[in-house]
């Protein structure tokens, strides 16, 4: 139930922030990469040390660049697959 709620929240927010859940001292921020239909086909992630600053600081400072990188990849996917969705295994 908790996992489903976290996935739903990440979908609503458009990103996921994990604070020391995978490993002590590790903070991770991720965004989806979408095809032209809007379907998530991949994700981009930044993993960093969960130092003394709060998770919101990492989110606020890194999320814009992470989203810009995802947008660039999405533009490349749209050019590479102009007539349909990206096929994933």
PDB file of N, CA and C in Angstrom:
ATOM      1  N   UNK A   1       0.824  -1.193   0.000  1.00  0.00           N
ATOM      2  CA  UNK A   1       0.000   0.000   0.000  1.00  0.00           C
ATOM      3  C   UNK A   1       0.866   1.254   0.000  1.00  0.00           C
ATOM      4  N   UNK A   2       1.908   1.254   0.815  1.00  0.00           N
ATOM      5  CA  UNK A   2       2.794   2.420   0.882  1.00  0.00           C
ATOM      6  C   UNK A   2       3.519   2.637  -0.441  1.00  0.00           C
ATOM      7  N   UNK A   3       3.955   1.553  -1.078  1.00  0.00           N
ATOM      8  CA  UNK A   3       4.639   1.667  -2.369  1.00  0.00           C
ATOM      9  C   UNK A   3       3.696   2.230  -3.424  1.00  0.00           C
ATOM     10  N   UNK A   4       2.463   1.733  -3.477  1.00  0.00           N
ATOM     11  CA  UNK A   4       1.483   2.245  -4.441  1.00  0.00           C
ATOM     12  C   UNK A   4       1.226   3.726  -4.211  1.00  0.00           C
ATOM     13  N   UNK A   5       1.146   4.148  -2.965  1.00  0.00           N
ATOM     14  CA  UNK A   5       0.934   5.561  -2.653  1.00  0.00           C
ATOM     15  C   UNK A   5       2.129   6.403  -3.094  1.00  0.00           C
ATOM     16  N   UNK A   6       3.349   5.893  -2.899  1.00  0.00           N
ATOM     17  CA  UNK A   6       4.553   6.625  -3.320  1.00  0.00           C
ATOM     18  C   UNK A   6       4.616   6.750  -4.839  1.00  0.00           C
ATOM     19  N   UNK A   7       4.236   5.694  -5.552  1.00  0.00           N
ATOM     20  CA  UNK A   7       4.221   5.746  -7.016  1.00  0.00           C
ATOM     21  C   UNK A   7       3.180   6.733  -7.504  1.00  0.00           C
ATOM     22  N   UNK A   8       2.007   6.711  -6.900  1.00  0.00           N
ATOM     23  CA  UNK A   8       0.960   7.673  -7.270  1.00  0.00           C
ATOM     24  C   UNK A   8       1.418   9.106  -7.034  1.00  0.00           C
ATOM     25  N   UNK A   9       2.065   9.352  -5.907  1.00  0.00           N
ATOM     26  CA  UNK A   9       2.544  10.701  -5.587  1.00  0.00           C
ATOM     27  C   UNK A   9       3.610  11.156  -6.577  1.00  0.00           C
ATOM     28  N   UNK A  10       4.528  10.260  -6.929  1.00  0.00           N
ATOM     29  CA  UNK A  10       5.561  10.600  -7.914  1.00  0.00           C
ATOM     30  C   UNK A  10       4.920  10.929  -9.259  1.00  0.00           C
ATOM     31  N   UNK A  11       3.895  10.188  -9.628  1.00  0.00           N
ATOM     32  CA  UNK A  11       3.192  10.472 -10.880  1.00  0.00           C
ATOM     33  C   UNK A  11       2.530  11.833 -10.856  1.00  0.00           C
ATOM     34  N   UNK A  12       1.911  12.177  -9.754  1.00  0.00           N
ATOM     35  CA  UNK A  12       1.264  13.494  -9.628  1.00  0.00           C
ATOM     36  C   UNK A  12       2.296  14.622  -9.632  1.00  0.00           C
ATOM     37  N   UNK A  13       3.388  14.421  -8.917  1.00  0.00           N
ATOM     38  CA  UNK A  13       4.411  15.462  -8.780  1.00  0.00           C
ATOM     39  C   UNK A  13       5.282  15.588 -10.031  1.00  0.00           C
ATOM     40  N   UNK A  14       5.407  14.497 -10.785  1.00  0.00           N
ATOM     41  CA  UNK A  14       6.267  14.515 -11.962  1.00  0.00           C
ATOM     42  C   UNK A  14       7.727  14.235 -11.637  1.00  0.00           C
ATOM     43  N   UNK A  15       8.014  13.810 -10.427  1.00  0.00           N
ATOM     44  CA  UNK A  15       9.365  13.436 -10.019  1.00  0.00           C
ATOM     45  C   UNK A  15       9.268  12.554  -8.779  1.00  0.00           C
ATOM     46  N   UNK A  16      10.367  11.888  -8.471  1.00  0.00           N
ATOM     47  CA  UNK A  16      10.457  11.105  -7.241  1.00  0.00           C
ATOM     48  C   UNK A  16      11.722  11.517  -6.498  1.00  0.00           C
ATOM     49  N   UNK A  17      11.600  11.673  -5.209  1.00  0.00           N
ATOM     50  CA  UNK A  17      12.727  11.999  -4.343  1.00  0.00           C
ATOM     51  C   UNK A  17      12.790  10.926  -3.265  1.00  0.00           C
ATOM     52  N   UNK A  18      13.917  10.248  -3.180  1.00  0.00           N
ATOM     53  CA  UNK A  18      14.108   9.192  -2.194  1.00  0.00           C
ATOM     54  C   UNK A  18      15.228   9.625  -1.256  1.00  0.00           C
ATOM     55  N   UNK A  19      14.936   9.602   0.023  1.00  0.00           N
ATOM     56  CA  UNK A  19      15.897  10.057   1.034  1.00  0.00           C
ATOM     57  C   UNK A  19      16.322   8.892   1.913  1.00  0.00           C
ATOM     58  N   UNK A  20      17.515   8.348   1.636  1.00  0.00           N
ATOM     59  CA  UNK A  20      18.122   7.293   2.430  1.00  0.00           C
ATOM     60  C   UNK A  20      17.231   6.063   2.576  1.00  0.00           C
ATOM     61  N   UNK A  21      16.442   5.769   1.536  1.00  0.00           N
ATOM     62  CA  UNK A  21      15.599   4.579   1.575  1.00  0.00           C
ATOM     63  C   UNK A  21      16.304   3.385   0.939  1.00  0.00           C
ATOM     64  N   UNK A  22      17.140   3.649  -0.054  1.00  0.00           N
ATOM     65  CA  UNK A  22      17.849   2.555  -0.723  1.00  0.00           C
ATOM     66  C   UNK A  22      19.135   2.201   0.011  1.00  0.00           C
ATOM     67  N   UNK A  23      19.775   3.236   0.570  1.00  0.00           N
ATOM     68  CA  UNK A  23      21.036   3.045   1.285  1.00  0.00           C
ATOM     69  C   UNK A  23      21.257   4.253   2.192  1.00  0.00           C
ATOM     70  N   UNK A  24      21.808   4.032   3.358  1.00  0.00           N
ATOM     71  CA  UNK A  24      22.097   5.124   4.280  1.00  0.00           C
ATOM     72  C   UNK A  24      23.035   6.121   3.608  1.00  0.00           C
ATOM     73  N   UNK A  25      22.682   7.395   3.698  1.00  0.00           N
ATOM     74  CA  UNK A  25      23.515   8.449   3.132  1.00  0.00           C
ATOM     75  C   UNK A  25      23.248   8.753   1.667  1.00  0.00           C
ATOM     76  N   UNK A  26      22.305   8.042   1.038  1.00  0.00           N
ATOM     77  CA  UNK A  26      22.034   8.231  -0.383  1.00  0.00           C
ATOM     78  C   UNK A  26      20.699   8.940  -0.592  1.00  0.00           C
ATOM     79  N   UNK A  27      20.743   9.982  -1.373  1.00  0.00           N
ATOM     80  CA  UNK A  27      19.548  10.727  -1.791  1.00  0.00           C
ATOM     81  C   UNK A  27      19.451  10.564  -3.309  1.00  0.00           C
ATOM     82  N   UNK A  28      18.242  10.366  -3.816  1.00  0.00           N
ATOM     83  CA  UNK A  28      18.056  10.154  -5.241  1.00  0.00           C
ATOM     84  C   UNK A  28      16.856  10.963  -5.732  1.00  0.00           C
ATOM     85  N   UNK A  29      17.021  11.580  -6.889  1.00  0.00           N
ATOM     86  CA  UNK A  29      15.972  12.380  -7.507  1.00  0.00           C
ATOM     87  C   UNK A  29      15.812  11.887  -8.935  1.00  0.00           C
ATOM     88  N   UNK A  30      14.577  11.617  -9.361  1.00  0.00           N
ATOM     89  CA  UNK A  30      14.346  11.068 -10.692  1.00  0.00           C
ATOM     90  C   UNK A  30      13.141  11.716 -11.359  1.00  0.00           C
ATOM     91  N   UNK A  31      13.199  11.787 -12.688  1.00  0.00           N
ATOM     92  CA  UNK A  31      12.084  12.284 -13.504  1.00  0.00           C
ATOM     93  C   UNK A  31      11.853  11.311 -14.659  1.00  0.00           C
ATOM     94  N   UNK A  32      10.625  11.264 -15.171  1.00  0.00           N
ATOM     95  CA  UNK A  32      10.363  10.392 -16.311  1.00  0.00           C
ATOM     96  C   UNK A  32      10.848  11.008 -17.613  1.00  0.00           C
ATOM     97  N   UNK A  33      11.114  10.140 -18.579  1.00  0.00           N
ATOM     98  CA  UNK A  33      11.347  10.540 -19.964  1.00  0.00           C
ATOM     99  C   UNK A  33      10.160   9.973 -20.736  1.00  0.00           C
ATOM    100  N   UNK A  34       9.446  10.834 -21.439  1.00  0.00           N
ATOM    101  CA  UNK A  34       8.196  10.430 -22.093  1.00  0.00           C
ATOM    102  C   UNK A  34       8.341  10.430 -23.612  1.00  0.00           C
ATOM    103  N   UNK A  35       7.588   9.542 -24.260  1.00  0.00           N
ATOM    104  CA  UNK A  35       7.552   9.556 -25.721  1.00  0.00           C
ATOM    105  C   UNK A  35       6.516  10.590 -26.181  1.00  0.00           C
ATOM    106  N   UNK A  36       6.319  10.694 -27.483  1.00  0.00           N
ATOM    107  CA  UNK A  36       5.427  11.738 -27.997  1.00  0.00           C
ATOM    108  C   UNK A  36       3.996  11.557 -27.547  1.00  0.00           C
ATOM    109  N   UNK A  37       3.613  10.363 -27.150  1.00  0.00           N
ATOM    110  CA  UNK A  37       2.245  10.141 -26.664  1.00  0.00           C
ATOM    111  C   UNK A  37       2.100  10.487 -25.184  1.00  0.00           C
ATOM    112  N   UNK A  38       3.215  10.798 -24.522  1.00  0.00           N
ATOM    113  CA  UNK A  38       3.177  11.125 -23.099  1.00  0.00           C
ATOM    114  C   UNK A  38       3.440   9.942 -22.188  1.00  0.00           C
ATOM    115  N   UNK A  39       3.708   8.781 -22.779  1.00  0.00           N
ATOM    116  CA  UNK A  39       3.964   7.573 -21.999  1.00  0.00           C
ATOM    117  C   UNK A  39       5.407   7.581 -21.498  1.00  0.00           C
ATOM    118  N   UNK A  40       5.602   7.313 -20.224  1.00  0.00           N
ATOM    119  CA  UNK A  40       6.958   7.215 -19.669  1.00  0.00           C
ATOM    120  C   UNK A  40       7.638   5.974 -20.235  1.00  0.00           C
ATOM    121  N   UNK A  41       8.792   6.174 -20.881  1.00  0.00           N
ATOM    122  CA  UNK A  41       9.534   5.068 -21.484  1.00  0.00           C
ATOM    123  C   UNK A  41      10.902   4.877 -20.833  1.00  0.00           C
ATOM    124  N   UNK A  42      11.295   5.811 -19.989  1.00  0.00           N
ATOM    125  CA  UNK A  42      12.577   5.737 -19.294  1.00  0.00           C
ATOM    126  C   UNK A  42      12.533   6.733 -18.138  1.00  0.00           C
ATOM    127  N   UNK A  43      13.622   6.801 -17.418  1.00  0.00           N
ATOM    128  CA  UNK A  43      13.738   7.776 -16.332  1.00  0.00           C
ATOM    129  C   UNK A  43      15.175   8.259 -16.250  1.00  0.00           C
ATOM    130  N   UNK A  44      15.325   9.475 -15.753  1.00  0.00           N
ATOM    131  CA  UNK A  44      16.647  10.034 -15.457  1.00  0.00           C
ATOM    132  C   UNK A  44      16.753  10.171 -13.952  1.00  0.00           C
ATOM    133  N   UNK A  45      17.927   9.887 -13.424  1.00  0.00           N
ATOM    134  CA  UNK A  45      18.138   9.892 -11.992  1.00  0.00           C
ATOM    135  C   UNK A  45      19.437  10.613 -11.636  1.00  0.00           C
ATOM    136  N   UNK A  46      19.401  11.322 -10.540  1.00  0.00           N
ATOM    137  CA  UNK A  46      20.606  11.883  -9.927  1.00  0.00           C
ATOM    138  C   UNK A  46      20.708  11.251  -8.543  1.00  0.00           C
ATOM    139  N   UNK A  47      21.840  10.667  -8.244  1.00  0.00           N
ATOM    140  CA  UNK A  47      22.091  10.107  -6.924  1.00  0.00           C
ATOM    141  C   UNK A  47      23.203  10.922  -6.281  1.00  0.00           C
ATOM    142  N   UNK A  48      23.004  11.287  -5.036  1.00  0.00           N
ATOM    143  CA  UNK A  48      23.989  12.119  -4.361  1.00  0.00           C
ATOM    144  C   UNK A  48      24.008  11.825  -2.874  1.00  0.00           C
ATOM    145  N   UNK A  49      25.047  12.305  -2.233  1.00  0.00           N
ATOM    146  CA  UNK A  49      25.174  12.154  -0.788  1.00  0.00           C
ATOM    147  C   UNK A  49      24.080  12.966  -0.104  1.00  0.00           C
ATOM    148  N   UNK A  50      23.445  12.383   0.883  1.00  0.00           N
ATOM    149  CA  UNK A  50      22.360  13.059   1.596  1.00  0.00           C
ATOM    150  C   UNK A  50      22.913  13.957   2.694  1.00  0.00           C
ATOM    151  N   UNK A  51      23.881  14.770   2.380  1.00  0.00           N
ATOM    152  CA  UNK A  51      24.557  15.655   3.332  1.00  0.00           C
ATOM    153  C   UNK A  51      23.644  16.420   4.273  1.00  0.00           C
ATOM    154  N   UNK A  52      24.149  17.476   4.849  1.00  0.00           N
ATOM    155  CA  UNK A  52      23.417  18.193   5.898  1.00  0.00           C
ATOM    156  C   UNK A  52      22.231  19.021   5.396  1.00  0.00           C
ATOM    157  N   UNK A  53      22.211  19.358   4.105  1.00  0.00           N
ATOM    158  CA  UNK A  53      21.088  20.152   3.617  1.00  0.00           C
ATOM    159  C   UNK A  53      19.835  19.281   3.503  1.00  0.00           C
ATOM    160  N   UNK A  54      18.673  19.877   3.647  1.00  0.00           N
ATOM    161  CA  UNK A  54      17.432  19.099   3.575  1.00  0.00           C
ATOM    162  C   UNK A  54      17.173  18.596   2.149  1.00  0.00           C
ATOM    163  N   UNK A  55      16.400  17.525   2.003  1.00  0.00           N
ATOM    164  CA  UNK A  55      16.098  16.985   0.676  1.00  0.00           C
ATOM    165  C   UNK A  55      15.478  18.023  -0.254  1.00  0.00           C
ATOM    166  N   UNK A  56      14.697  18.929   0.296  1.00  0.00           N
ATOM    167  CA  UNK A  56      14.048  19.962  -0.515  1.00  0.00           C
ATOM    168  C   UNK A  56      15.066  20.865  -1.198  1.00  0.00           C
ATOM    169  N   UNK A  57      16.219  21.055  -0.586  1.00  0.00           N
ATOM    170  CA  UNK A  57      17.274  21.866  -1.199  1.00  0.00           C
ATOM    171  C   UNK A  57      17.790  21.194  -2.467  1.00  0.00           C
ATOM    172  N   UNK A  58      18.046  19.892  -2.371  1.00  0.00           N
ATOM    173  CA  UNK A  58      18.487  19.149  -3.561  1.00  0.00           C
ATOM    174  C   UNK A  58      17.411  19.193  -4.631  1.00  0.00           C
ATOM    175  N   UNK A  59      16.163  18.980  -4.220  1.00  0.00           N
ATOM    176  CA  UNK A  59      15.052  19.021  -5.175  1.00  0.00           C
ATOM    177  C   UNK A  59      15.004  20.379  -5.874  1.00  0.00           C
ATOM    178  N   UNK A  60      15.027  21.440  -5.117  1.00  0.00           N
ATOM    179  CA  UNK A  60      14.890  22.782  -5.696  1.00  0.00           C
ATOM    180  C   UNK A  60      16.084  23.158  -6.567  1.00  0.00           C
ATOM    181  N   UNK A  61      17.282  22.718  -6.200  1.00  0.00           N
ATOM    182  CA  UNK A  61      18.469  23.103  -6.964  1.00  0.00           C
ATOM    183  C   UNK A  61      18.717  22.216  -8.179  1.00  0.00           C
ATOM    184  N   UNK A  62      18.293  20.958  -8.135  1.00  0.00           N
ATOM    185  CA  UNK A  62      18.627  20.019  -9.217  1.00  0.00           C
ATOM    186  C   UNK A  62      17.467  19.654 -10.135  1.00  0.00           C
ATOM    187  N   UNK A  63      16.249  19.784  -9.659  1.00  0.00           N
ATOM    188  CA  UNK A  63      15.101  19.363 -10.462  1.00  0.00           C
ATOM    189  C   UNK A  63      14.975  20.130 -11.779  1.00  0.00           C
ATOM    190  N   UNK A  64      15.186  21.447 -11.816  1.00  0.00           N
ATOM    191  CA  UNK A  64      15.079  22.139 -13.108  1.00  0.00           C
ATOM    192  C   UNK A  64      16.055  21.600 -14.160  1.00  0.00           C
ATOM    193  N   UNK A  65      17.293  21.347 -13.776  1.00  0.00           N
ATOM    194  CA  UNK A  65      18.279  20.824 -14.734  1.00  0.00           C
ATOM    195  C   UNK A  65      17.933  19.395 -15.149  1.00  0.00           C
ATOM    196  N   UNK A  66      17.452  18.596 -14.217  1.00  0.00           N
ATOM    197  CA  UNK A  66      17.074  17.224 -14.539  1.00  0.00           C
ATOM    198  C   UNK A  66      15.894  17.212 -15.509  1.00  0.00           C
ATOM    199  N   UNK A  67      14.920  18.065 -15.267  1.00  0.00           N
ATOM    200  CA  UNK A  67      13.780  18.164 -16.190  1.00  0.00           C
ATOM    201  C   UNK A  67      14.209  18.687 -17.560  1.00  0.00           C
ATOM    202  N   UNK A  68      15.129  19.632 -17.600  1.00  0.00           N
ATOM    203  CA  UNK A  68      15.617  20.143 -18.888  1.00  0.00           C
ATOM    204  C   UNK A  68      16.331  19.047 -19.662  1.00  0.00           C
ATOM    205  N   UNK A  69      17.108  18.233 -18.988  1.00  0.00           N
ATOM    206  CA  UNK A  69      17.789  17.121 -19.641  1.00  0.00           C
ATOM    207  C   UNK A  69      16.764  16.127 -20.188  1.00  0.00           C
ATOM    208  N   UNK A  70      15.741  15.814 -19.408  1.00  0.00           N
ATOM    209  CA  UNK A  70      14.685  14.904 -19.872  1.00  0.00           C
ATOM    210  C   UNK A  70      13.978  15.488 -21.089  1.00  0.00           C
ATOM    211  N   UNK A  71      13.729  16.798 -21.079  1.00  0.00           N
ATOM    212  CA  UNK A  71      13.068  17.442 -22.222  1.00  0.00           C
ATOM    213  C   UNK A  71      13.920  17.320 -23.478  1.00  0.00           C
ATOM    214  N   UNK A  72      15.225  17.437 -23.346  1.00  0.00           N
ATOM    215  CA  UNK A  72      16.113  17.271 -24.496  1.00  0.00           C
ATOM    216  C   UNK A  72      16.054  15.862 -25.059  1.00  0.00           C
ATOM    217  N   UNK A  73      16.041  14.882 -24.183  1.00  0.00           N
ATOM    218  CA  UNK A  73      15.939  13.494 -24.631  1.00  0.00           C
ATOM    219  C   UNK A  73      14.577  13.252 -25.274  1.00  0.00           C
ATOM    220  N   UNK A  74      13.533  13.811 -24.693  1.00  0.00           N
ATOM    221  CA  UNK A  74      12.196  13.670 -25.274  1.00  0.00           C
ATOM    222  C   UNK A  74      12.130  14.272 -26.671  1.00  0.00           C
ATOM    223  N   UNK A  75      12.793  15.392 -26.879  1.00  0.00           N
ATOM    224  CA  UNK A  75      12.836  16.006 -28.217  1.00  0.00           C
ATOM    225  C   UNK A  75      13.569  15.088 -29.191  1.00  0.00           C
ATOM    226  N   UNK A  76      14.652  14.481 -28.750  1.00  0.00           N
ATOM    227  CA  UNK A  76      15.376  13.533 -29.599  1.00  0.00           C
ATOM    228  C   UNK A  76      14.513  12.319 -29.926  1.00  0.00           C
ATOM    229  N   UNK A  77      13.778  11.809 -28.932  1.00  0.00           N
ATOM    230  CA  UNK A  77      12.886  10.677 -29.181  1.00  0.00           C
ATOM    231  C   UNK A  77      11.792  11.049 -30.177  1.00  0.00           C
ATOM    232  N   UNK A  78      11.258  12.257 -30.049  1.00  0.00           N
ATOM    233  CA  UNK A  78      10.214  12.695 -30.982  1.00  0.00           C
ATOM    234  C   UNK A  78      10.756  12.767 -32.407  1.00  0.00           C
ATOM    235  N   UNK A  79      12.002  13.184 -32.560  1.00  0.00           N
ATOM    236  CA  UNK A  79      12.610  13.243 -33.891  1.00  0.00           C
ATOM    237  C   UNK A  79      12.909  11.845 -34.424  1.00  0.00           C
ATOM    238  N   UNK A  80      13.329  10.950 -33.545  1.00  0.00           N
ATOM    239  CA  UNK A  80      13.688   9.596 -33.959  1.00  0.00           C
ATOM    240  C   UNK A  80      12.463   8.723 -34.234  1.00  0.00           C
ATOM    241  N   UNK A  81      11.357   9.024 -33.565  1.00  0.00           N
ATOM    242  CA  UNK A  81      10.125   8.241 -33.716  1.00  0.00           C
ATOM    243  C   UNK A  81       8.972   9.182 -34.061  1.00  0.00           C
ATOM    244  N   UNK A  82       9.004   9.820 -35.237  1.00  0.00           N
ATOM    245  CA  UNK A  82       8.017  10.852 -35.565  1.00  0.00           C
ATOM    246  C   UNK A  82       6.592  10.326 -35.788  1.00  0.00           C
ATOM    247  N   UNK A  83       6.448   9.043 -36.029  1.00  0.00           N
ATOM    248  CA  UNK A  83       5.119   8.527 -36.377  1.00  0.00           C
ATOM    249  C   UNK A  83       4.529   7.579 -35.345  1.00  0.00           C
ATOM    250  N   UNK A  84       5.108   7.526 -34.190  1.00  0.00           N
ATOM    251  CA  UNK A  84       4.548   6.612 -33.206  1.00  0.00           C
ATOM    252  C   UNK A  84       5.288   6.621 -31.909  1.00  0.00           C
ATOM    253  N   UNK A  85       4.877   5.703 -31.060  1.00  0.00           N
ATOM    254  CA  UNK A  85       5.440   5.577 -29.732  1.00  0.00           C
ATOM    255  C   UNK A  85       6.777   4.858 -29.781  1.00  0.00           C
ATOM    256  N   UNK A  86       7.573   5.103 -28.793  1.00  0.00           N
ATOM    257  CA  UNK A  86       8.826   4.388 -28.629  1.00  0.00           C
ATOM    258  C   UNK A  86       8.476   2.964 -28.210  1.00  0.00           C
ATOM    259  N   UNK A  87       9.106   2.006 -28.847  1.00  0.00           N
ATOM    260  CA  UNK A  87       8.882   0.611 -28.489  1.00  0.00           C
ATOM    261  C   UNK A  87       9.898   0.206 -27.433  1.00  0.00           C
ATOM    262  N   UNK A  88       9.399  -0.299 -26.320  1.00  0.00           N
ATOM    263  CA  UNK A  88      10.291  -0.760 -25.256  1.00  0.00           C
ATOM    264  C   UNK A  88      10.110  -2.251 -25.070  1.00  0.00           C
ATOM    265  N   UNK A  89      11.167  -2.944 -24.675  1.00  0.00           N
ATOM    266  CA  UNK A  89      11.050  -4.391 -24.477  1.00  0.00           C
ATOM    267  C   UNK A  89      10.191  -4.719 -23.277  1.00  0.00           C
TER     268      UNK A  89
END
